Amino acid sequence: MLDLSYMIQDMTNTNTDNKTEERKNRFTGESVMLTKEEARRHDLIFVAESMAEFHADPDTKDKHYKIMREHLDWFRQHNASAYMVLLD
């Protein structure tokens, strides 16, 4: 019989705490650990905000603000506590 018991621990590891990325509130300095996806979306919020502020064309501004709002909405839905610390 083949012994596969050494694999069971790896297969049952359900640790989903992959919060490896630190982000800080730009006003308060309070920090939160985020997953890679949360950190990516957090960064995109500020990229979109910068792009919206940079452009003079109202349609381009609206496009970037829409992207920013989509990522803010995602954050509110998926990690409300981090949203409250970092983005509210």
N, C-alpha and C. Protein backbone atom coordinates (compact mmCIF):
# COMPACT_ATOMS: atom_id res chain seq x y z
N MET A 1 0.84 -1.18 0.00
CA MET A 1 0.00 0.00 0.00
C MET A 1 0.89 1.25 0.00
N LEU A 2 0.49 2.22 -0.75
CA LEU A 2 1.24 3.46 -0.89
C LEU A 2 0.90 4.42 0.25
N ASP A 3 1.92 4.91 0.95
CA ASP A 3 1.71 5.82 2.08
C ASP A 3 1.75 7.27 1.58
N LEU A 4 0.62 7.92 1.62
CA LEU A 4 0.52 9.32 1.20
C LEU A 4 0.21 10.25 2.38
N SER A 5 0.41 9.76 3.57
CA SER A 5 0.06 10.55 4.75
C SER A 5 0.84 11.86 4.85
N TYR A 6 2.03 11.87 4.29
CA TYR A 6 2.84 13.10 4.33
C TYR A 6 2.17 14.23 3.55
N MET A 7 1.27 13.92 2.63
CA MET A 7 0.61 14.93 1.81
C MET A 7 -0.63 15.51 2.48
N ILE A 8 -1.19 14.82 3.41
CA ILE A 8 -2.47 15.23 3.98
C ILE A 8 -2.37 16.59 4.65
N GLN A 9 -1.31 16.84 5.36
CA GLN A 9 -1.18 18.13 6.01
C GLN A 9 -1.21 19.27 5.00
N ASP A 10 -0.52 19.13 3.88
CA ASP A 10 -0.53 20.15 2.84
C ASP A 10 -1.90 20.30 2.21
N MET A 11 -2.60 19.20 2.01
CA MET A 11 -3.89 19.23 1.34
C MET A 11 -4.97 19.84 2.22
N THR A 12 -4.82 19.75 3.52
CA THR A 12 -5.84 20.27 4.42
C THR A 12 -5.50 21.63 4.99
N ASN A 13 -4.40 22.20 4.58
CA ASN A 13 -4.02 23.52 5.05
C ASN A 13 -4.96 24.54 4.45
N THR A 14 -5.84 25.07 5.28
CA THR A 14 -6.82 26.04 4.80
C THR A 14 -6.52 27.44 5.29
N ASN A 15 -5.27 27.68 5.65
CA ASN A 15 -4.87 29.00 6.11
C ASN A 15 -5.03 29.99 4.95
N THR A 16 -5.99 30.89 5.07
CA THR A 16 -6.24 31.86 4.01
C THR A 16 -5.75 33.25 4.39
N ASP A 17 -4.96 33.31 5.46
CA ASP A 17 -4.45 34.60 5.91
C ASP A 17 -3.21 34.96 5.09
N ASN A 18 -3.42 35.46 3.90
CA ASN A 18 -2.33 35.83 3.00
C ASN A 18 -2.10 37.33 3.00
N LYS A 19 -2.30 37.95 4.13
CA LYS A 19 -2.17 39.40 4.22
C LYS A 19 -0.70 39.76 4.38
N THR A 20 -0.06 40.00 3.26
CA THR A 20 1.38 40.23 3.26
C THR A 20 1.76 41.65 2.85
N GLU A 21 0.79 42.43 2.44
CA GLU A 21 1.06 43.77 1.91
C GLU A 21 0.56 44.83 2.90
N GLU A 22 1.44 45.73 3.30
CA GLU A 22 1.05 46.80 4.22
C GLU A 22 0.72 48.06 3.43
N ARG A 23 -0.39 48.68 3.79
CA ARG A 23 -0.76 49.98 3.23
C ARG A 23 -1.13 50.90 4.39
N LYS A 24 -0.83 52.19 4.22
CA LYS A 24 -1.10 53.18 5.27
C LYS A 24 -2.08 54.23 4.77
N ASN A 25 -2.88 54.73 5.70
CA ASN A 25 -3.76 55.85 5.43
C ASN A 25 -2.87 57.07 5.24
N ARG A 26 -3.05 57.78 4.15
CA ARG A 26 -2.16 58.90 3.84
C ARG A 26 -2.35 60.10 4.76
N PHE A 27 -3.46 60.13 5.50
CA PHE A 27 -3.71 61.25 6.40
C PHE A 27 -3.38 60.92 7.85
N THR A 28 -3.74 59.71 8.29
CA THR A 28 -3.55 59.35 9.70
C THR A 28 -2.30 58.52 9.94
N GLY A 29 -1.78 57.86 8.90
CA GLY A 29 -0.62 56.99 9.06
C GLY A 29 -0.96 55.62 9.60
N GLU A 30 -2.24 55.37 9.89
CA GLU A 30 -2.66 54.07 10.40
C GLU A 30 -2.49 53.02 9.30
N SER A 31 -1.94 51.86 9.65
CA SER A 31 -1.64 50.85 8.63
C SER A 31 -2.53 49.63 8.77
N VAL A 32 -2.67 48.92 7.64
CA VAL A 32 -3.47 47.69 7.57
C VAL A 32 -2.71 46.72 6.68
N MET A 33 -2.73 45.47 7.04
CA MET A 33 -2.15 44.42 6.20
C MET A 33 -3.23 43.93 5.23
N LEU A 34 -2.86 43.82 3.96
CA LEU A 34 -3.80 43.44 2.91
C LEU A 34 -3.29 42.24 2.14
N THR A 35 -4.20 41.56 1.45
CA THR A 35 -3.80 40.52 0.51
C THR A 35 -3.23 41.21 -0.72
N LYS A 36 -2.60 40.44 -1.59
CA LYS A 36 -2.05 41.02 -2.82
C LYS A 36 -3.15 41.66 -3.67
N GLU A 37 -4.31 41.00 -3.76
CA GLU A 37 -5.43 41.55 -4.54
C GLU A 37 -5.93 42.86 -3.93
N GLU A 38 -6.09 42.89 -2.61
CA GLU A 38 -6.54 44.11 -1.94
C GLU A 38 -5.52 45.23 -2.13
N ALA A 39 -4.25 44.91 -2.01
CA ALA A 39 -3.20 45.92 -2.19
C ALA A 39 -3.20 46.46 -3.62
N ARG A 40 -3.38 45.56 -4.59
CA ARG A 40 -3.43 45.98 -5.99
C ARG A 40 -4.59 46.94 -6.22
N ARG A 41 -5.75 46.61 -5.68
CA ARG A 41 -6.92 47.48 -5.85
C ARG A 41 -6.74 48.80 -5.09
N HIS A 42 -6.14 48.74 -3.92
CA HIS A 42 -5.86 49.96 -3.16
C HIS A 42 -4.99 50.90 -3.98
N ASP A 43 -3.94 50.35 -4.58
CA ASP A 43 -3.04 51.17 -5.38
C ASP A 43 -3.75 51.73 -6.61
N LEU A 44 -4.61 50.93 -7.23
CA LEU A 44 -5.34 51.39 -8.42
C LEU A 44 -6.30 52.53 -8.09
N ILE A 45 -6.83 52.55 -6.89
CA ILE A 45 -7.70 53.66 -6.47
C ILE A 45 -6.94 54.97 -6.59
N PHE A 46 -5.70 54.98 -6.10
CA PHE A 46 -4.93 56.21 -6.11
C PHE A 46 -4.36 56.55 -7.48
N VAL A 47 -4.09 55.53 -8.29
CA VAL A 47 -3.67 55.78 -9.67
C VAL A 47 -4.82 56.44 -10.43
N ALA A 48 -6.02 55.88 -10.29
CA ALA A 48 -7.19 56.43 -10.99
C ALA A 48 -7.49 57.85 -10.51
N GLU A 49 -7.37 58.08 -9.21
CA GLU A 49 -7.59 59.42 -8.68
C GLU A 49 -6.58 60.42 -9.27
N SER A 50 -5.32 60.02 -9.33
CA SER A 50 -4.28 60.88 -9.89
C SER A 50 -4.53 61.18 -11.35
N MET A 51 -4.92 60.15 -12.09
CA MET A 51 -5.20 60.33 -13.52
C MET A 51 -6.40 61.26 -13.72
N ALA A 52 -7.41 61.13 -12.89
CA ALA A 52 -8.58 61.99 -13.00
C ALA A 52 -8.21 63.44 -12.71
N GLU A 53 -7.38 63.66 -11.72
CA GLU A 53 -6.97 65.01 -11.37
C GLU A 53 -6.04 65.62 -12.42
N PHE A 54 -5.31 64.78 -13.10
CA PHE A 54 -4.34 65.24 -14.10
C PHE A 54 -5.01 65.75 -15.37
N HIS A 55 -6.08 65.07 -15.80
CA HIS A 55 -6.71 65.39 -17.08
C HIS A 55 -7.69 66.55 -16.96
N ALA A 56 -7.71 67.39 -17.99
CA ALA A 56 -8.64 68.51 -18.03
C ALA A 56 -9.94 68.13 -18.72
N ASP A 57 -9.90 67.16 -19.60
CA ASP A 57 -11.08 66.74 -20.35
C ASP A 57 -12.10 66.08 -19.40
N PRO A 58 -13.32 66.60 -19.32
CA PRO A 58 -14.32 66.05 -18.40
C PRO A 58 -14.64 64.58 -18.63
N ASP A 59 -14.67 64.14 -19.89
CA ASP A 59 -14.96 62.73 -20.16
C ASP A 59 -13.86 61.82 -19.63
N THR A 60 -12.62 62.25 -19.78
CA THR A 60 -11.50 61.46 -19.29
C THR A 60 -11.49 61.44 -17.76
N LYS A 61 -11.79 62.60 -17.16
CA LYS A 61 -11.91 62.66 -15.70
C LYS A 61 -12.95 61.67 -15.20
N ASP A 62 -14.13 61.70 -15.85
CA ASP A 62 -15.22 60.82 -15.45
C ASP A 62 -14.83 59.35 -15.57
N LYS A 63 -14.12 59.01 -16.63
CA LYS A 63 -13.68 57.64 -16.84
C LYS A 63 -12.80 57.17 -15.68
N HIS A 64 -11.86 58.00 -15.27
CA HIS A 64 -10.95 57.62 -14.19
C HIS A 64 -11.65 57.62 -12.84
N TYR A 65 -12.56 58.56 -12.62
CA TYR A 65 -13.33 58.55 -11.37
C TYR A 65 -14.23 57.32 -11.30
N LYS A 66 -14.74 56.87 -12.43
CA LYS A 66 -15.56 55.66 -12.46
C LYS A 66 -14.73 54.44 -12.05
N ILE A 67 -13.52 54.35 -12.58
CA ILE A 67 -12.61 53.26 -12.21
C ILE A 67 -12.32 53.31 -10.71
N MET A 68 -12.06 54.49 -10.20
CA MET A 68 -11.79 54.67 -8.78
C MET A 68 -12.97 54.21 -7.93
N ARG A 69 -14.19 54.62 -8.33
CA ARG A 69 -15.39 54.22 -7.58
C ARG A 69 -15.62 52.71 -7.62
N GLU A 70 -15.32 52.07 -8.74
CA GLU A 70 -15.48 50.62 -8.84
C GLU A 70 -14.58 49.91 -7.83
N HIS A 71 -13.34 50.37 -7.71
CA HIS A 71 -12.41 49.74 -6.76
C HIS A 71 -12.81 50.08 -5.32
N LEU A 72 -13.30 51.28 -5.07
CA LEU A 72 -13.78 51.63 -3.73
C LEU A 72 -14.97 50.75 -3.35
N ASP A 73 -15.89 50.55 -4.28
CA ASP A 73 -17.05 49.69 -4.02
C ASP A 73 -16.62 48.26 -3.73
N TRP A 74 -15.62 47.77 -4.49
CA TRP A 74 -15.11 46.42 -4.26
C TRP A 74 -14.55 46.33 -2.84
N PHE A 75 -13.80 47.33 -2.44
CA PHE A 75 -13.21 47.33 -1.10
C PHE A 75 -14.29 47.33 -0.02
N ARG A 76 -15.32 48.15 -0.19
CA ARG A 76 -16.41 48.19 0.79
C ARG A 76 -17.06 46.82 0.94
N GLN A 77 -17.20 46.11 -0.16
CA GLN A 77 -17.86 44.81 -0.15
C GLN A 77 -16.96 43.70 0.39
N HIS A 78 -15.67 43.71 0.07
CA HIS A 78 -14.80 42.59 0.39
C HIS A 78 -13.95 42.76 1.64
N ASN A 79 -13.69 43.98 2.05
CA ASN A 79 -12.90 44.21 3.27
C ASN A 79 -13.29 45.56 3.86
N ALA A 80 -14.45 45.58 4.46
CA ALA A 80 -15.00 46.83 4.99
C ALA A 80 -14.13 47.43 6.08
N SER A 81 -13.52 46.60 6.91
CA SER A 81 -12.68 47.13 8.00
C SER A 81 -11.45 47.85 7.45
N ALA A 82 -10.82 47.29 6.44
CA ALA A 82 -9.67 47.96 5.81
C ALA A 82 -10.12 49.22 5.10
N TYR A 83 -11.28 49.17 4.48
CA TYR A 83 -11.82 50.36 3.81
C TYR A 83 -11.98 51.50 4.82
N MET A 84 -12.52 51.18 5.99
CA MET A 84 -12.77 52.21 7.01
C MET A 84 -11.45 52.84 7.49
N VAL A 85 -10.40 52.06 7.57
CA VAL A 85 -9.11 52.59 8.04
C VAL A 85 -8.39 53.34 6.93
N LEU A 86 -8.37 52.77 5.73
CA LEU A 86 -7.53 53.31 4.67
C LEU A 86 -8.21 54.32 3.76
N LEU A 87 -9.51 54.16 3.52
CA LEU A 87 -10.13 54.89 2.41
C LEU A 87 -11.33 55.73 2.80
N ASP A 88 -11.83 55.60 4.00
CA ASP A 88 -13.05 56.33 4.38
C ASP A 88 -12.72 57.74 4.78
